[in-house]
Amino acid sequence: IDAPPSKSMAHRYLIGAALSGQVCRLTGMAYSQDILATIDCLRALGASVVMSGDTVTVDPHGFMQAAHPVLDCRESGSTLRFFIPLALCLGRTVILRGSRRLLSRPLDVYEDICHEYGFTFQNNGESLTLCGRLTADTYRVRGDVSSQFITGLILALVYRGQEATVEILPPFASRPYVELTLDALADFGAHVSFADAHTIRIQAAPLHAFNGRMEGDYSNAAFLDAFNYIGSSVTVGNLNPASRQGDRVYSRYFEQIAAGSPTLDITDCPDLGPVLFALAALKNGATFIGTDRLRDKESDRGAAMDHELRKLGGGLIFGNNTVTVPPQTLRYGGEVLDGHNDHRIVMALSVILSAIGGSIHGVEAVRKSYPAFFDDIQRLGAKVEWI
């Protein structure tokens, strides 16, 4: 089976296409709710985006020219955090909407910048109102929060088209995601690079069109490959072995979980948390460090997995920025599991239930990143019944 296209890459290339100023065609796209949110926001800012099969054509000639833009980010954290700095380049009021859970997720980095520069930043829980004109400057950003803030600033500063600097205050988590941003922007001609381990320089450079195909998504491939460690035989294609995606580490982590009870650091790959917990619960357990950021995802992912594993006779142990999955025997006792409105929780629990049987509620959450997940695992032989 082929892994679905990388959601992380698609966000970056769609926005890069709009920044390029020229018509771009991106192939190998899949239309998850998060990607549709980014497309909606590009359109709201004036770009033309046409979807035909797996090809998206972006015509940016009206981009950033909308008079009264309202951006609907749905439940996409990447979309929200990537577009806030772009909205702050306009010098006029922009409204960003999203679910209550999305707008409750941390935005302090941007709020602090707005406070420092005298910009409007008003979050009422249902929408975010912004007004400001971000200039080329030196911006200091905490590195121990989501790398999406860093990417968002880089995208906005590339749009400004002048030399600027982003200084990252250590510790620097999720660096691979920032490297993905730099790789994507380089394909459009942007000159963005690390001057040192914690400093990113944005240089003035003419951008150009890019036409290319999205590589497969290691984040979602992990859920498919996990079946190989619980008695199945699945070959996952459409993965670039030279990819810079941080979640590529999953295969090495899976092997260590299968071999014993390892201690694994997920600081740079928090999206792997649920599937790693699931596999560890089915094998011999494991300890994970760098887990604090799991609280600020679509759900509190550590708490969500603990809650559902306890229904199966297992559970997690929480420490200081650590989660331990003790050895446990899981059995389905008849209580329906809950997906917690989180696509990665649904898919992780589905891996477990494929081994022991059972039911899960709220599976529509997979539309956020992998709408075809249940169709795909049925094709692989999973017995899935909709009730």
Protein backbone atom coordinates (compact mmCIF):
# COMPACT_ATOMS: atom_id res chain seq x y z
CA ILE A 1 0.00 0.00 0.00
CA ASP A 2 1.17 3.55 -0.68
CA ALA A 3 1.46 6.02 2.16
CA PRO A 4 -0.79 9.07 1.68
CA PRO A 5 0.86 12.35 0.66
CA SER A 6 2.66 14.24 3.38
CA LYS A 7 0.34 16.72 5.06
CA SER A 8 3.30 18.65 6.47
CA MET A 9 4.82 19.06 3.02
CA ALA A 10 1.51 19.92 1.37
CA HIS A 11 0.85 22.83 3.76
CA ARG A 12 4.29 24.26 3.04
CA TYR A 13 4.16 23.82 -0.73
CA LEU A 14 0.67 25.29 -1.05
CA ILE A 15 1.73 28.41 0.83
CA GLY A 16 5.08 28.49 -1.00
CA ALA A 17 3.20 28.44 -4.30
CA ALA A 18 1.19 31.47 -3.21
CA LEU A 19 4.36 33.28 -2.11
CA SER A 20 6.10 32.55 -5.43
CA GLY A 21 3.97 35.01 -7.40
CA GLN A 22 3.65 32.54 -10.28
CA VAL A 23 1.26 29.75 -11.24
CA CYS A 24 2.33 26.43 -9.68
CA ARG A 25 0.98 22.89 -10.09
CA LEU A 26 1.34 20.45 -7.23
CA THR A 27 0.52 16.79 -7.81
CA GLY A 28 0.06 13.80 -5.54
CA MET A 29 -2.21 15.80 -3.24
CA ALA A 30 -4.88 14.37 -0.92
CA TYR A 31 -7.67 16.46 0.50
CA SER A 32 -7.74 15.97 4.25
CA GLN A 33 -9.62 18.51 6.34
CA ASP A 34 -6.36 20.21 7.34
CA ILE A 35 -5.23 20.65 3.73
CA LEU A 36 -8.67 21.92 2.73
CA ALA A 37 -8.36 24.48 5.55
CA THR A 38 -5.07 25.78 4.12
CA ILE A 39 -6.62 25.93 0.63
CA ASP A 40 -9.60 27.86 2.02
CA CYS A 41 -7.27 30.36 3.70
CA LEU A 42 -5.25 30.91 0.51
CA ARG A 43 -8.49 31.63 -1.32
CA ALA A 44 -9.67 33.96 1.45
CA LEU A 45 -6.47 35.98 0.98
CA GLY A 46 -7.12 36.29 -2.75
CA ALA A 47 -5.27 33.40 -4.40
CA SER A 48 -6.96 31.15 -6.94
CA VAL A 49 -6.69 27.46 -6.03
CA VAL A 50 -8.14 24.81 -8.35
CA MET A 51 -8.30 21.13 -7.40
CA SER A 52 -8.50 18.50 -10.14
CA GLY A 53 -7.92 14.90 -9.16
CA ASP A 54 -4.67 14.82 -7.21
CA THR A 55 -3.42 18.06 -8.80
CA VAL A 56 -3.74 21.50 -7.24
CA THR A 57 -3.08 24.59 -9.34
CA VAL A 58 -2.28 27.75 -7.39
CA ASP A 59 -2.51 31.11 -9.14
CA PRO A 60 -1.25 33.69 -6.64
CA HIS A 61 -1.84 36.87 -8.61
CA GLY A 62 -4.52 38.11 -6.19
CA PHE A 63 -2.80 36.78 -3.08
CA MET A 64 -2.76 39.12 -0.05
CA GLN A 65 -5.07 41.56 -1.82
CA ALA A 66 -8.39 40.62 -0.20
CA ALA A 67 -9.98 43.67 1.42
CA HIS A 68 -11.65 42.06 4.46
CA PRO A 69 -10.26 38.54 4.78
CA VAL A 70 -11.85 35.96 7.05
CA LEU A 71 -9.80 32.77 7.30
CA ASP A 72 -11.42 29.51 8.42
CA CYS A 73 -8.71 27.26 9.89
CA ARG A 74 -11.20 24.55 10.92
CA GLU A 75 -9.20 22.35 13.33
CA SER A 76 -5.78 22.69 11.71
CA GLY A 77 -3.03 23.90 14.03
CA SER A 78 -0.57 24.17 11.15
CA THR A 79 -2.98 26.34 9.16
CA LEU A 80 -3.65 28.67 12.07
CA ARG A 81 -0.01 29.11 13.06
CA PHE A 82 1.23 29.44 9.48
CA PHE A 83 -1.31 32.11 8.54
CA ILE A 84 -1.22 34.33 11.63
CA PRO A 85 2.12 35.98 10.66
CA LEU A 86 0.96 36.34 7.03
CA ALA A 87 -2.19 38.05 8.31
CA LEU A 88 0.05 40.38 10.31
CA CYS A 89 1.76 41.51 7.12
CA LEU A 90 -1.37 43.15 5.72
CA GLY A 91 -1.70 46.17 7.98
CA ARG A 92 -5.48 45.72 8.15
CA THR A 93 -7.92 43.67 10.19
CA VAL A 94 -7.97 39.94 9.55
CA ILE A 95 -10.22 37.42 11.30
CA LEU A 96 -9.18 33.78 11.74
CA ARG A 97 -11.77 31.23 12.79
CA GLY A 98 -11.49 27.71 14.09
CA SER A 99 -12.84 25.21 16.57
CA ARG A 100 -12.76 26.06 20.26
CA ARG A 101 -10.13 23.38 20.82
CA LEU A 102 -7.94 24.90 18.10
CA LEU A 103 -8.20 28.44 19.44
CA SER A 104 -7.43 27.21 22.97
CA ARG A 105 -4.10 25.76 21.85
CA PRO A 106 -1.02 27.85 22.71
CA LEU A 107 -0.52 31.02 20.66
CA ASP A 108 1.64 32.89 23.19
CA VAL A 109 4.57 33.34 20.80
CA TYR A 110 2.48 35.40 18.40
CA GLU A 111 0.59 37.18 21.17
CA ASP A 112 3.91 38.31 22.67
CA ILE A 113 5.11 39.63 19.28
CA CYS A 114 1.85 41.53 18.82
CA HIS A 115 2.16 43.03 22.28
CA GLU A 116 5.78 44.08 21.63
CA TYR A 117 4.94 45.76 18.32
CA GLY A 118 1.60 47.24 19.33
CA PHE A 119 -0.48 45.00 17.04
CA THR A 120 -4.05 43.88 17.69
CA PHE A 121 -4.38 40.31 18.96
CA GLN A 122 -7.82 39.40 20.29
CA ASN A 123 -8.86 35.80 20.91
CA ASN A 124 -12.44 35.32 22.10
CA GLY A 125 -12.36 31.53 21.86
CA GLU A 126 -14.35 31.44 18.63
CA SER A 127 -12.25 33.72 16.43
CA LEU A 128 -8.96 35.56 16.44
CA THR A 129 -8.82 39.20 15.33
CA LEU A 130 -5.48 40.55 14.16
CA CYS A 131 -4.22 43.84 12.82
CA GLY A 132 -0.61 44.83 12.26
CA ARG A 133 2.15 45.17 9.71
CA LEU A 134 5.00 42.78 10.38
CA THR A 135 8.32 44.15 9.14
CA ALA A 136 11.68 42.60 8.36
CA ASP A 137 13.41 42.49 11.72
CA THR A 138 15.00 40.12 14.22
CA TYR A 139 12.46 37.95 16.01
CA ARG A 140 13.24 35.81 19.04
CA VAL A 141 11.14 32.69 19.47
CA ARG A 142 11.14 30.01 22.16
CA GLY A 143 12.36 26.71 20.76
CA ASP A 144 10.60 24.51 23.31
CA VAL A 145 7.13 25.12 21.88
CA SER A 146 5.70 24.12 18.50
CA SER A 147 8.02 24.63 15.53
CA GLN A 148 4.93 25.84 13.65
CA PHE A 149 5.54 29.30 15.14
CA ILE A 150 9.00 29.38 13.61
CA THR A 151 7.71 28.21 10.24
CA GLY A 152 4.93 30.79 10.31
CA LEU A 153 7.39 33.61 10.90
CA ILE A 154 9.68 32.35 8.13
CA LEU A 155 6.80 32.26 5.64
CA ALA A 156 5.78 35.81 6.51
CA LEU A 157 9.34 37.13 6.31
CA VAL A 158 9.84 35.48 2.92
CA TYR A 159 6.68 37.29 1.81
CA ARG A 160 8.14 40.58 3.07
CA GLY A 161 11.06 39.97 0.71
CA GLN A 162 13.75 41.62 2.82
CA GLU A 163 16.58 40.40 5.00
CA ALA A 164 15.44 39.26 8.42
CA THR A 165 16.43 36.93 11.23
CA VAL A 166 14.69 34.45 13.49
CA GLU A 167 16.59 33.61 16.67
CA ILE A 168 15.48 30.42 18.40
CA LEU A 169 15.89 30.28 22.15
CA PRO A 170 17.11 26.82 23.24
CA PRO A 171 16.15 24.11 23.75
CA PHE A 172 15.11 23.70 20.11
CA ALA A 173 12.45 21.00 19.68
CA SER A 174 11.09 19.66 16.37
CA ARG A 175 13.96 21.05 14.31
CA PRO A 176 13.20 18.58 11.44
CA TYR A 177 9.91 20.39 10.78
CA VAL A 178 11.75 23.69 10.35
CA GLU A 179 14.19 21.98 7.99
CA LEU A 180 11.18 20.80 5.95
CA THR A 181 10.11 24.42 5.65
CA LEU A 182 13.53 25.50 4.41
CA ASP A 183 13.63 22.65 1.87
CA ALA A 184 10.18 23.53 0.53
CA LEU A 185 10.93 27.24 0.23
CA ALA A 186 14.23 26.50 -1.53
CA ASP A 187 12.23 24.84 -4.32
CA PHE A 188 10.59 28.23 -4.93
CA GLY A 189 13.95 30.04 -4.93
CA ALA A 190 13.85 31.43 -1.39
CA HIS A 191 17.18 31.95 0.39
CA VAL A 192 16.53 30.81 3.96
CA SER A 193 19.21 29.00 5.94
CA PHE A 194 20.63 28.29 9.38
CA ALA A 195 23.42 30.73 10.18
CA ASP A 196 24.12 28.62 13.26
CA ALA A 197 22.26 26.03 15.32
CA HIS A 198 19.76 28.59 16.65
CA THR A 199 19.69 31.38 14.05
CA ILE A 200 17.79 31.42 10.77
CA ARG A 201 18.57 34.06 8.13
CA ILE A 202 16.05 35.10 5.51
CA GLN A 203 17.66 36.86 2.55
CA ALA A 204 16.03 38.84 -0.23
CA ALA A 205 15.68 36.65 -3.33
CA PRO A 206 13.42 36.47 -6.40
CA LEU A 207 10.99 33.56 -6.15
CA HIS A 208 9.87 31.36 -9.03
CA ALA A 209 7.30 28.71 -9.82
CA PHE A 210 7.65 25.13 -8.67
CA ASN A 211 5.77 22.21 -10.19
CA GLY A 212 6.23 18.91 -8.41
CA ARG A 213 4.81 15.95 -6.54
CA MET A 214 4.25 15.62 -2.80
CA GLU A 215 6.20 12.83 -1.13
CA GLY A 216 4.51 10.27 1.10
CA ASP A 217 3.76 10.94 4.74
CA TYR A 218 5.87 9.13 7.33
CA SER A 219 3.50 10.26 10.10
CA ASN A 220 0.60 8.30 8.63
CA ALA A 221 2.78 5.52 7.22
CA ALA A 222 3.61 4.63 10.83
CA PHE A 223 0.04 3.44 11.45
CA LEU A 224 0.24 1.15 8.41
CA ASP A 225 3.69 -0.18 9.20
CA ALA A 226 2.67 -0.86 12.81
CA PHE A 227 0.62 -3.85 11.58
CA ASN A 228 3.90 -5.57 10.71
CA TYR A 229 4.78 -5.72 14.41
CA ILE A 230 1.54 -7.38 15.51
CA GLY A 231 1.37 -10.31 13.10
CA SER A 232 0.60 -8.84 9.68
CA SER A 233 2.65 -8.40 6.51
CA VAL A 234 2.34 -4.95 4.91
CA THR A 235 4.67 -3.20 2.48
CA VAL A 236 4.33 0.61 2.59
CA GLY A 237 5.35 2.46 -0.58
CA ASN A 238 5.47 6.11 -1.68
CA LEU A 239 8.07 6.96 0.96
CA ASN A 240 11.20 8.93 0.18
CA PRO A 241 14.12 7.22 1.99
CA ALA A 242 16.03 10.52 1.91
CA SER A 243 13.11 12.51 3.34
CA ARG A 244 13.76 15.18 5.97
CA GLN A 245 10.48 14.34 7.75
CA GLY A 246 11.25 13.93 11.43
CA ASP A 247 8.68 11.13 11.79
CA ARG A 248 10.83 8.93 9.56
CA VAL A 249 12.38 7.79 12.85
CA TYR A 250 9.31 5.66 13.53
CA SER A 251 10.77 2.55 11.85
CA ARG A 252 13.83 2.59 14.13
CA TYR A 253 11.62 3.17 17.18
CA PHE A 254 9.30 0.32 16.18
CA GLU A 255 12.25 -2.06 15.94
CA GLN A 256 13.45 -1.07 19.41
CA ILE A 257 9.97 -1.57 20.87
CA ALA A 258 9.74 -4.99 19.23
CA ALA A 259 13.15 -5.97 20.65
CA GLY A 260 12.57 -5.00 24.28
CA SER A 261 11.47 -2.17 26.57
CA PRO A 262 13.42 0.86 25.31
CA THR A 263 13.56 4.49 26.39
CA LEU A 264 12.76 6.70 23.40
CA ASP A 265 12.85 10.47 22.94
CA ILE A 266 9.87 11.92 21.02
CA THR A 267 10.79 15.59 21.46
CA ASP A 268 11.26 15.96 17.71
CA CYS A 269 8.41 13.66 16.68
CA PRO A 270 5.44 14.21 19.04
CA ASP A 271 2.90 13.12 16.41
CA LEU A 272 4.24 9.58 16.74
CA GLY A 273 3.26 9.46 20.42
CA PRO A 274 -0.10 7.66 20.08
CA VAL A 275 1.07 4.91 17.71
CA LEU A 276 4.24 4.35 19.76
CA PHE A 277 2.15 4.04 22.93
CA ALA A 278 -0.16 1.60 21.14
CA LEU A 279 2.64 -0.62 19.90
CA ALA A 280 4.44 -0.55 23.26
CA ALA A 281 1.19 -1.60 24.97
CA LEU A 282 0.87 -4.57 22.62
CA LYS A 283 4.53 -5.57 23.06
CA ASN A 284 6.74 -5.34 26.17
CA GLY A 285 6.25 -1.69 27.16
CA ALA A 286 8.57 1.30 26.79
CA THR A 287 9.40 4.67 28.33
CA PHE A 288 9.07 7.88 26.36
CA ILE A 289 10.68 11.23 27.15
CA GLY A 290 9.87 14.63 25.67
CA THR A 291 6.13 14.06 26.07
CA ASP A 292 4.88 17.34 27.57
CA ARG A 293 3.83 18.80 24.21
CA LEU A 294 1.33 15.98 23.71
CA ARG A 295 -1.05 17.92 25.95
CA ASP A 296 -1.42 20.68 23.35
CA LYS A 297 -2.46 18.60 20.34
CA GLU A 298 -5.97 17.90 19.04
CA SER A 299 -6.48 16.20 22.39
CA ASP A 300 -4.31 15.71 25.42
CA ARG A 301 -2.82 12.67 23.73
CA GLY A 302 -1.18 11.10 26.74
CA ALA A 303 -4.35 11.40 28.83
CA ALA A 304 -6.51 10.20 25.93
CA MET A 305 -4.44 7.08 25.35
CA ASP A 306 -4.33 6.35 29.08
CA HIS A 307 -8.11 6.68 29.35
CA GLU A 308 -8.74 4.26 26.50
CA LEU A 309 -6.04 1.77 27.45
CA ARG A 310 -7.59 1.52 30.93
CA LYS A 311 -10.81 0.33 29.30
CA LEU A 312 -8.71 -2.50 27.86
CA GLY A 313 -7.04 -3.39 31.15
CA GLY A 314 -3.87 -1.35 30.62
CA GLY A 315 -2.82 2.26 31.06
CA LEU A 316 0.07 4.70 31.13
CA ILE A 317 2.27 6.09 33.93
CA PHE A 318 3.07 9.81 33.81
CA GLY A 319 6.23 11.49 35.08
CA ASN A 320 8.11 14.72 34.54
CA ASN A 321 8.01 15.09 30.73
CA THR A 322 7.84 11.30 30.51
CA VAL A 323 5.27 8.61 29.80
CA THR A 324 5.89 4.98 30.70
CA VAL A 325 3.93 2.20 29.04
CA PRO A 326 4.28 -0.76 31.43
CA PRO A 327 3.98 -4.35 30.20
CA GLN A 328 0.27 -5.11 29.99
CA THR A 329 -2.21 -7.58 28.58
CA LEU A 330 -5.00 -5.87 26.67
CA ARG A 331 -8.47 -7.35 26.32
CA TYR A 332 -11.65 -5.81 24.97
CA GLY A 333 -14.32 -5.97 27.65
CA GLY A 334 -17.21 -4.50 25.67
CA GLU A 335 -16.84 -0.79 26.52
CA VAL A 336 -16.69 1.23 23.29
CA LEU A 337 -13.47 3.22 22.92
CA ASP A 338 -13.53 6.97 22.23
CA GLY A 339 -11.41 8.68 19.58
CA HIS A 340 -11.34 11.99 21.52
CA ASN A 341 -11.90 13.90 18.24
CA ASP A 342 -8.24 13.22 17.43
CA HIS A 343 -7.23 11.53 14.19
CA ARG A 344 -4.04 10.03 15.63
CA ILE A 345 -5.83 8.62 18.67
CA VAL A 346 -8.40 6.96 16.40
CA MET A 347 -5.73 5.37 14.20
CA ALA A 348 -3.59 4.25 17.15
CA LEU A 349 -6.59 2.61 18.84
CA SER A 350 -7.52 0.99 15.54
CA VAL A 351 -4.12 -0.68 15.41
CA ILE A 352 -4.76 -2.13 18.88
CA LEU A 353 -8.29 -3.26 18.06
CA SER A 354 -7.10 -4.97 14.87
CA ALA A 355 -5.19 -7.29 17.21
CA ILE A 356 -7.78 -7.84 19.96
CA GLY A 357 -11.11 -6.81 18.40
CA GLY A 358 -13.47 -4.14 19.66
CA SER A 359 -15.37 -0.97 18.79
CA ILE A 360 -14.39 2.69 18.65
CA HIS A 361 -16.58 5.81 18.51
CA GLY A 362 -15.74 9.07 16.74
CA VAL A 363 -13.74 7.59 13.89
CA GLU A 364 -14.67 10.46 11.57
CA ALA A 365 -11.73 12.33 13.11
CA VAL A 366 -9.45 10.59 10.58
CA ARG A 367 -10.76 13.02 7.96
CA LYS A 368 -8.41 15.57 9.47
CA SER A 369 -5.30 13.93 8.01
CA TYR A 370 -6.08 10.52 6.44
CA PRO A 371 -9.68 10.28 5.18
CA ALA A 372 -9.05 6.93 3.45
CA PHE A 373 -7.56 5.22 6.51
CA PHE A 374 -10.35 2.70 7.10
CA ASP A 375 -10.78 2.02 3.39
CA ASP A 376 -7.06 1.37 3.13
CA ILE A 377 -6.82 -1.02 6.08
CA GLN A 378 -9.86 -2.89 4.76
CA ARG A 379 -7.99 -3.34 1.48
CA LEU A 380 -5.14 -4.82 3.54
CA GLY A 381 -7.52 -7.34 5.11
CA ALA A 382 -8.74 -5.66 8.29
CA LYS A 383 -12.29 -6.59 9.21
CA VAL A 384 -14.07 -3.27 9.68
CA GLU A 385 -17.79 -3.06 10.32
CA TRP A 386 -19.62 0.28 10.52
CA ILE A 387 -22.34 0.28 13.19
